[in-house]
Protein backbone atom coordinates (compact mmCIF):
# COMPACT_ATOMS: atom_id res chain seq x y z
CA MET A 1 0.00 0.00 0.00
CA LYS A 2 1.36 3.39 -1.02
CA ARG A 3 -0.44 6.69 -0.56
CA ILE A 4 0.32 10.36 -1.08
CA PHE A 5 -1.46 13.07 0.93
CA LEU A 6 -1.67 16.75 -0.04
CA ASN A 7 -2.29 19.80 2.12
CA PRO A 8 -4.29 22.09 -0.21
CA ASP A 9 -3.34 25.23 1.76
CA SER A 10 0.43 24.78 2.07
CA ARG A 11 0.77 22.51 -1.00
CA LYS A 12 2.98 20.22 1.12
CA THR A 13 2.87 16.47 0.50
CA TRP A 14 3.28 13.48 2.77
CA GLU A 15 3.87 9.95 1.49
CA ILE A 16 3.49 6.61 3.25
CA GLU A 17 4.24 3.03 2.21
CA CYS A 18 3.13 -0.03 4.16
CA ASP A 19 4.55 -3.36 2.98
CA GLY A 20 4.41 -6.33 5.33
CA GLU A 21 6.19 -5.40 8.58
CA ARG A 22 7.69 -2.25 7.06
CA VAL A 23 6.33 1.32 7.10
CA ALA A 24 8.17 4.13 5.31
CA MET A 25 7.21 7.82 5.32
CA SER A 26 8.53 10.98 3.68
CA ASN A 27 7.70 14.68 3.42
CA ASN A 28 7.57 16.58 0.13
CA GLY A 29 9.27 13.78 -1.79
CA GLY A 30 12.32 13.80 0.50
CA LYS A 31 14.24 11.04 2.25
CA GLN A 32 12.19 8.15 3.62
CA ARG A 33 12.01 7.39 7.34
CA GLU A 34 11.52 3.66 7.89
CA LYS A 35 10.05 1.71 10.80
CA ARG A 36 9.80 -2.06 11.15
CA PHE A 37 7.32 -4.01 13.27
CA ASP A 38 6.95 -7.55 14.59
CA SER A 39 3.94 -8.30 12.38
CA PRO A 40 2.08 -6.93 9.35
CA GLU A 41 -0.90 -6.25 11.63
CA GLN A 42 1.17 -3.95 13.84
CA ALA A 43 2.56 -2.17 10.79
CA SER A 44 -0.91 -1.70 9.30
CA LYS A 45 -2.27 -0.33 12.58
CA TYR A 46 0.60 2.13 12.84
CA ALA A 47 0.14 3.26 9.22
CA GLU A 48 -3.56 3.88 9.78
CA LYS A 49 -2.80 5.95 12.88
CA GLU A 50 -0.26 8.06 10.95
CA MET A 51 -2.64 8.60 8.03
CA TRP A 52 -5.40 9.69 10.40
CA SER A 53 -3.00 12.13 12.04
CA ARG A 54 -2.27 13.76 8.66
CA LEU A 55 -5.96 13.99 7.80
CA LYS A 56 -6.61 15.84 11.07
CA LYS A 57 -3.83 18.28 10.16
CA GLY A 58 -5.61 19.28 6.95
CA PHE A 59 -4.08 16.85 4.46
CA ILE A 60 -6.34 15.16 1.89
CA TYR A 61 -5.81 11.71 0.44
CA SER A 62 -6.87 11.53 -3.21
CA CYS A 63 -6.57 8.76 -5.82
CA THR A 64 -8.33 9.07 -9.16
CA GLU A 65 -7.86 5.41 -10.17
CA ALA A 66 -8.96 3.50 -7.07
CA GLU A 67 -10.00 -0.13 -7.40
CA PRO A 68 -13.49 -1.18 -6.19
CA GLY A 69 -13.67 -1.08 -2.40
CA ASN A 70 -10.86 1.49 -2.14
CA PRO A 71 -11.12 5.23 -1.43
CA LEU A 72 -10.91 7.91 -4.08
CA PHE A 73 -10.40 10.38 -1.26
CA HIS A 74 -10.45 10.88 2.50
CA LEU A 75 -11.31 14.32 3.91
CA TYR A 76 -11.46 15.19 7.60
CA ILE A 77 -14.13 17.81 8.28
CA GLY A 78 -14.16 17.84 12.09
CA ASP A 79 -14.63 15.94 15.32
CA GLY A 80 -17.38 16.14 17.93
CA TYR A 81 -19.75 13.30 17.02
CA THR A 82 -23.41 14.37 17.34
CA GLY A 83 -25.05 11.20 16.02
CA SER A 84 -25.92 13.01 12.80
CA MET A 85 -23.86 12.62 9.62
CA PRO A 86 -25.98 14.22 6.87
CA LEU A 87 -25.12 13.64 3.21
CA ALA A 88 -26.98 14.71 0.06
CA ALA A 89 -25.84 13.73 -3.43
CA ILE A 90 -26.43 15.94 -6.46
CA PRO A 91 -28.17 13.63 -8.97
CA GLU A 92 -26.20 12.56 -12.05
CA THR A 93 -22.95 13.98 -10.65
CA ASN A 94 -20.25 12.83 -8.24
CA GLN A 95 -20.66 15.92 -6.07
CA PHE A 96 -22.46 15.88 -2.76
CA TYR A 97 -23.22 17.97 0.32
CA ALA A 98 -22.17 17.20 3.90
CA GLY A 99 -23.23 18.97 7.08
CA TYR A 100 -21.02 19.58 10.12
CA VAL A 101 -21.95 21.02 13.54
CA VAL A 102 -19.29 23.48 14.70
CA GLY A 103 -18.26 23.55 18.37
CA GLN A 104 -21.01 23.27 20.95
CA PHE A 105 -23.80 23.77 18.43
CA GLU A 106 -22.59 27.26 17.55
CA LYS A 107 -23.65 26.74 13.94
CA GLU A 108 -23.94 24.10 11.24
CA GLU A 109 -21.85 24.39 8.11
CA ILE A 110 -22.84 22.68 4.86
CA TYR A 111 -20.05 21.85 2.44
CA LEU A 112 -20.19 21.03 -1.25
CA ILE A 113 -17.59 18.32 -1.95
CA ASP A 114 -16.36 17.12 -5.34
CA GLU A 115 -14.98 13.72 -6.36
CA HIS A 116 -11.41 14.80 -5.56
CA GLY A 117 -12.19 15.73 -1.96
CA GLN A 118 -12.12 19.47 -2.58
CA LYS A 119 -14.72 21.22 -0.44
CA GLN A 120 -16.30 24.64 -0.47
CA LEU A 121 -18.58 26.21 2.10
CA ALA A 122 -22.07 26.23 0.59
CA SER A 123 -24.18 27.48 3.50
CA VAL A 124 -24.04 28.33 7.20
CA LEU A 125 -26.91 27.94 9.66
CA GLU A 126 -26.08 30.14 12.64
CA GLY A 127 -27.13 29.08 16.12
CA ASN A 128 -28.39 25.75 17.43
CA HIS A 129 -28.98 23.42 14.48
CA LEU A 130 -28.75 19.68 13.90
CA ILE A 131 -29.53 18.36 10.42
CA TYR A 132 -30.68 14.73 10.56
CA ASP A 133 -31.36 14.26 6.83
CA MET A 134 -31.03 16.32 3.69
CA PHE A 135 -31.73 15.93 -0.01
CA TYR A 136 -30.80 18.06 -3.00
CA CYS A 137 -33.64 18.91 -5.39
CA PRO A 138 -32.20 19.86 -8.82
CA GLU A 139 -35.63 20.96 -10.05
CA THR A 140 -35.67 23.82 -7.52
CA GLY A 141 -31.94 24.13 -6.81
CA GLU A 142 -32.56 23.73 -3.08
CA LEU A 143 -31.51 21.54 -0.22
CA LEU A 144 -34.44 20.01 1.61
CA ILE A 145 -33.35 19.57 5.22
CA ASN A 146 -34.66 17.92 8.36
CA ASP A 147 -33.26 20.35 10.91
CA SER A 148 -34.02 19.25 14.48
CA HIS A 149 -37.28 17.64 13.28
CA GLN A 150 -38.38 20.72 11.34
CA ILE A 151 -38.46 20.42 7.55
CA SER A 152 -37.12 23.44 5.64
CA ARG A 153 -36.06 24.45 2.14
CA LEU A 154 -32.57 25.92 1.98
CA ALA A 155 -31.88 27.98 -1.16
CA ALA A 156 -28.48 28.58 -2.74
CA ASP A 157 -28.50 32.18 -1.45
CA GLY A 158 -28.89 30.93 2.14
CA SER A 159 -32.55 31.85 2.54
CA ILE A 160 -34.72 29.34 4.40
CA ARG A 161 -38.42 28.52 4.06
CA CYS A 162 -39.94 26.38 6.79
CA CYS A 163 -42.33 23.69 5.56
CA THR A 164 -43.44 22.30 8.93
CA ARG A 165 -43.50 23.15 12.58
CA ALA A 166 -40.79 21.77 14.86
CA VAL A 167 -42.10 18.54 16.39
CA TYR A 168 -40.78 15.68 18.51
CA GLU A 169 -40.21 13.34 15.56
CA SER A 170 -40.04 13.61 11.77
CA THR A 171 -39.41 11.84 8.49
CA LEU A 172 -38.24 13.12 5.11
CA SER A 173 -37.95 11.72 1.59
CA LEU A 174 -37.53 13.17 -1.91
CA SER A 175 -38.15 11.88 -5.42
CA GLY A 176 -37.76 14.38 -8.25
CA SER A 177 -39.69 17.45 -7.13
CA ARG A 178 -41.99 15.44 -4.85
CA ALA A 179 -41.25 15.50 -1.14
CA LEU A 180 -42.68 13.48 1.73
CA TRP A 181 -42.65 14.82 5.27
CA TYR A 182 -44.55 14.75 8.54
CA ASP A 183 -46.52 17.85 9.50
CA ALA A 184 -48.38 16.69 12.59
CA PRO A 185 -50.77 14.99 12.49
CA HIS A 186 -50.40 14.27 8.75
CA LEU A 187 -47.92 12.66 6.42
CA VAL A 188 -47.83 14.98 3.42
CA VAL A 189 -46.61 14.55 -0.16
CA THR A 190 -45.95 17.93 -1.79
CA ASP A 191 -44.71 19.04 -5.21
CA LEU A 192 -41.92 21.51 -4.48
CA LEU A 193 -42.28 23.20 -7.86
CA THR A 194 -46.01 23.89 -7.76
CA GLN A 195 -46.47 23.89 -3.95
CA GLU A 196 -49.39 21.51 -4.57
CA ILE A 197 -50.25 18.95 -1.90
CA ILE A 198 -50.41 15.67 -3.82
CA TYR A 199 -51.65 13.58 -0.92
CA GLN A 200 -51.94 13.64 2.83
CA THR A 201 -53.03 11.10 5.38
CA ARG A 202 -53.64 11.44 9.10
CA VAL A 203 -51.45 9.14 11.19
CA ALA A 204 -50.98 8.34 14.87
CA PRO A 205 -47.38 7.17 15.41
CA GLU A 206 -47.04 4.58 18.17
CA LYS A 207 -44.30 4.54 20.78
CA VAL A 208 -41.92 1.58 20.72
CA ASN A 209 -40.32 0.42 23.99
CA GLY A 210 -41.94 3.39 25.67
CA HIS A 211 -39.56 5.98 24.21
CA SER A 212 -39.09 5.83 20.41
CA LEU A 213 -41.87 7.10 18.17
CA GLN A 214 -42.54 4.89 15.14
CA LEU A 215 -42.51 7.35 12.25
CA CYS A 216 -40.79 6.56 8.98
CA GLY A 217 -41.68 7.10 5.32
CA GLY A 218 -40.16 6.91 1.86
CA LEU A 219 -41.05 7.85 -1.72
CA SER A 220 -40.48 5.45 -4.60
CA ARG A 221 -38.01 6.38 -7.34
CA SER A 222 -40.86 7.12 -9.76
CA GLY A 223 -42.61 9.28 -7.18
CA GLN A 224 -45.85 7.39 -7.80
CA VAL A 225 -45.83 5.33 -4.60
CA PHE A 226 -44.85 5.94 -1.03
CA ALA A 227 -44.47 3.69 1.98
CA TYR A 228 -44.76 4.53 5.63
CA CYS A 229 -44.65 2.93 9.04
CA THR A 230 -46.36 4.40 12.10
CA GLN A 231 -47.16 1.10 13.83
CA PRO A 232 -44.33 -1.33 14.64
CA GLY A 233 -46.21 -4.32 13.22
CA GLU A 234 -46.94 -3.15 9.68
CA ILE A 235 -45.80 -1.23 6.61
CA VAL A 236 -48.37 0.75 4.59
CA ILE A 237 -48.04 1.19 0.81
CA CYS A 238 -49.91 4.05 -0.87
CA ASP A 239 -50.49 4.55 -4.61
CA LEU A 240 -50.41 8.29 -5.27
CA GLU A 241 -52.39 7.94 -8.51
CA THR A 242 -55.35 6.05 -7.06
CA HIS A 243 -54.90 7.06 -3.40
CA MET A 244 -55.39 3.39 -2.51
CA GLU A 245 -53.53 2.05 0.53
CA HIS A 246 -52.72 -1.48 1.62
CA SER A 247 -50.68 -2.80 4.51
CA ILE A 248 -47.98 -5.46 4.76
CA ALA A 249 -47.63 -7.24 8.10
CA LYS A 250 -44.09 -7.42 9.47
CA ASP A 251 -42.79 -10.84 10.47
CA ILE A 252 -41.42 -9.29 13.69
CA SER A 253 -42.69 -6.20 15.47
CA ALA A 254 -39.80 -3.72 15.34
CA LEU A 255 -38.96 -0.04 14.98
CA THR A 256 -38.47 0.94 11.33
CA VAL A 257 -35.91 3.76 11.18
CA ALA A 258 -35.22 4.10 7.43
CA MET A 259 -36.74 3.14 4.08
CA GLY A 260 -35.58 3.03 0.48
CA PHE A 261 -36.99 1.76 -2.83
CA SER A 262 -34.93 -0.03 -5.47
CA SER A 263 -34.34 1.96 -8.66
CA ASP A 264 -37.07 0.01 -10.50
CA ASP A 265 -39.57 0.33 -7.60
CA ARG A 266 -39.80 -3.46 -7.30
CA TYR A 267 -38.37 -3.75 -3.80
CA LEU A 268 -38.79 -1.78 -0.59
CA PHE A 269 -35.93 -1.98 1.91
CA THR A 270 -36.55 -1.13 5.57
CA GLN A 271 -33.98 -0.83 8.35
CA GLU A 272 -35.23 -2.21 11.67
CA GLN A 273 -34.28 -1.76 15.33
CA TYR A 274 -35.56 -3.07 18.69
CA GLY A 275 -36.85 -6.55 17.90
CA SER A 276 -34.88 -6.93 14.70
CA TRP A 277 -31.64 -5.32 13.53
CA GLU A 278 -32.06 -6.44 9.94
CA LEU A 279 -32.47 -4.68 6.64
CA LYS A 280 -35.75 -6.16 5.40
CA CYS A 281 -36.56 -6.54 1.71
CA TYR A 282 -40.20 -6.52 0.59
CA ASP A 283 -41.19 -7.63 -2.91
CA LEU A 284 -43.93 -5.12 -3.77
CA GLY A 285 -45.25 -7.37 -6.53
CA THR A 286 -46.27 -9.99 -3.98
CA SER A 287 -46.32 -7.83 -0.80
CA THR A 288 -44.09 -10.40 0.90
CA LEU A 289 -40.54 -10.57 2.19
CA ALA A 290 -37.99 -11.71 -0.38
CA PRO A 291 -37.09 -15.23 0.89
CA GLU A 292 -33.51 -15.18 -0.42
CA TRP A 293 -32.62 -11.92 1.40
CA LYS A 294 -30.86 -12.27 4.78
CA THR A 295 -29.01 -9.57 6.74
CA ASP A 296 -28.13 -8.80 10.35
CA HIS A 297 -27.02 -5.89 12.52
CA VAL A 298 -27.31 -3.24 9.80
CA LYS A 299 -26.29 0.24 10.99
CA SER A 300 -27.00 2.17 7.77
CA PHE A 301 -27.80 1.65 4.10
CA ALA A 302 -28.30 3.48 0.81
CA VAL A 303 -29.99 2.63 -2.48
CA HIS A 304 -28.76 4.05 -5.79
CA PRO A 305 -31.49 6.23 -7.35
CA SER A 306 -30.89 5.10 -10.94
CA LYS A 307 -28.75 1.94 -10.83
CA PRO A 308 -29.60 -1.50 -9.38
CA LEU A 309 -27.27 -1.07 -6.40
CA LEU A 310 -27.65 -1.13 -2.62
CA ALA A 311 -24.95 -0.60 0.01
CA MET A 312 -25.16 -1.38 3.72
CA TYR A 313 -22.84 -1.06 6.71
CA SER A 314 -22.87 -4.13 8.95
CA TYR A 315 -20.34 -5.57 11.42
CA GLY A 316 -17.67 -3.08 10.35
CA GLN A 317 -17.98 -3.89 6.63
CA VAL A 318 -19.66 -2.23 3.67
CA HIS A 319 -21.60 -4.72 1.55
CA LEU A 320 -22.75 -3.98 -1.99
CA TYR A 321 -25.71 -5.76 -3.60
CA HIS A 322 -27.32 -5.90 -7.04
CA THR A 323 -31.00 -5.09 -6.48
CA HIS A 324 -32.32 -6.91 -9.57
CA THR A 325 -30.90 -10.24 -8.44
CA LEU A 326 -30.33 -9.43 -4.70
CA ARG A 327 -26.85 -10.86 -5.25
CA HIS A 328 -23.91 -9.83 -3.04
CA ILE A 329 -21.22 -8.33 -5.31
CA LEU A 330 -18.65 -6.54 -3.12
CA GLU A 331 -17.46 -6.34 0.49
CA PHE A 332 -14.84 -4.05 2.00
CA LYS A 333 -13.79 -2.56 5.33
CA PRO A 334 -14.10 1.24 5.24
CA GLU A 335 -11.34 3.25 6.85
CA HIS A 336 -11.59 5.71 9.75
CA VAL A 337 -14.91 4.41 11.09
CA VAL A 338 -15.38 3.73 14.82
CA LYS A 339 -18.86 2.22 15.12
CA THR A 340 -21.11 3.64 12.42
CA CYS A 341 -21.34 5.76 9.30
CA ASN A 342 -23.81 7.26 6.85
CA LEU A 343 -23.88 6.24 3.18
CA THR A 344 -25.17 7.77 -0.03
CA PHE A 345 -24.56 6.99 -3.70
CA THR A 346 -23.25 9.55 -6.15
CA LYS A 347 -23.51 8.87 -9.89
CA ASP A 348 -20.52 6.49 -9.98
CA TYR A 349 -19.32 6.07 -6.40
CA LEU A 350 -20.32 5.57 -2.77
CA ALA A 351 -19.94 8.48 -0.34
CA LEU A 352 -19.36 7.69 3.33
CA TYR A 353 -19.47 9.98 6.39
CA SER A 354 -17.94 8.34 9.46
CA ASP A 355 -18.48 8.91 13.17
CA TYR A 356 -14.81 9.92 13.26
CA GLY A 357 -15.61 13.04 11.21
CA CYS A 358 -14.12 11.66 8.00
CA VAL A 359 -15.88 12.02 4.64
CA SER A 360 -14.78 9.59 1.93
CA LEU A 361 -15.68 8.52 -1.58
CA TYR A 362 -15.24 4.84 -2.51
CA ALA A 363 -14.92 3.20 -5.89
CA ILE A 364 -17.52 0.49 -6.47
């Protein structure tokens, strides 16, 4: 393994090689300093520690020709884990947004990051903010954000339009110009271009384990169907053309925390907690669980909006699946992750935001 890091401000470089029990490092192409260890594992651990140290000092690792499962870049954007690692891809590009809470909730900064790890400050939300989810809507040129359970539209000039009141719990999804959110006591599907309410339904979210409110929804890729869960024992599917709803009983009562449709709208994937820690896969043609699909202890997942791809983070590994066949096609251990991370697909790659404060882009 050989990597070169660049500090974009000073233009200084730092190079590291890790080969078996040997680690060699150099600054600005100068003389190598070599260290040897008792085992390759010790050498690898030391190399990772040194690379992380350079990232925290403002260096960026970038590689334009990474093999599948390897990073195209690593970028450190800050420590202070809040539990929120928001990412929003710009459709049909390899650019994406990432949010970062500064200090003790002094403000939240939103960065636009390109495929080389170069970032620019896109927006600043002053004061106490915590973005849980965000999506970029190219039709309106806005970021749709779930900011402390209040849904808002953030324009490129920094202006904000609130769409809902601040409530105890929320959900947010986007497909094209159609958005799904919770504006108590209704789940609402709205066209962001016309401001028209496409559909709304009154719901009564149930508490799970006495503390977590069951409230989760997702729009299909076509924007013609949405799914939601407000009771831990069932998923509801709604056709936005006919306004017909039908429910699918869960095999285990559990808290659904995230949803995503496959790119062809055939499958609905739901991430479960408390009772099950699986990523469930429902075949919407039969309204049943896909029998060949088995997962466990899934911390996060993402579905590609236009390609038959799904990625999940489970037991310290990222797993990639083909959603037409549900076949497992790639597995790799992401770097600079402690316990969890957030994932989103760009046009060609997989973006990852770790609980260490590292944003990366992986070749797939």
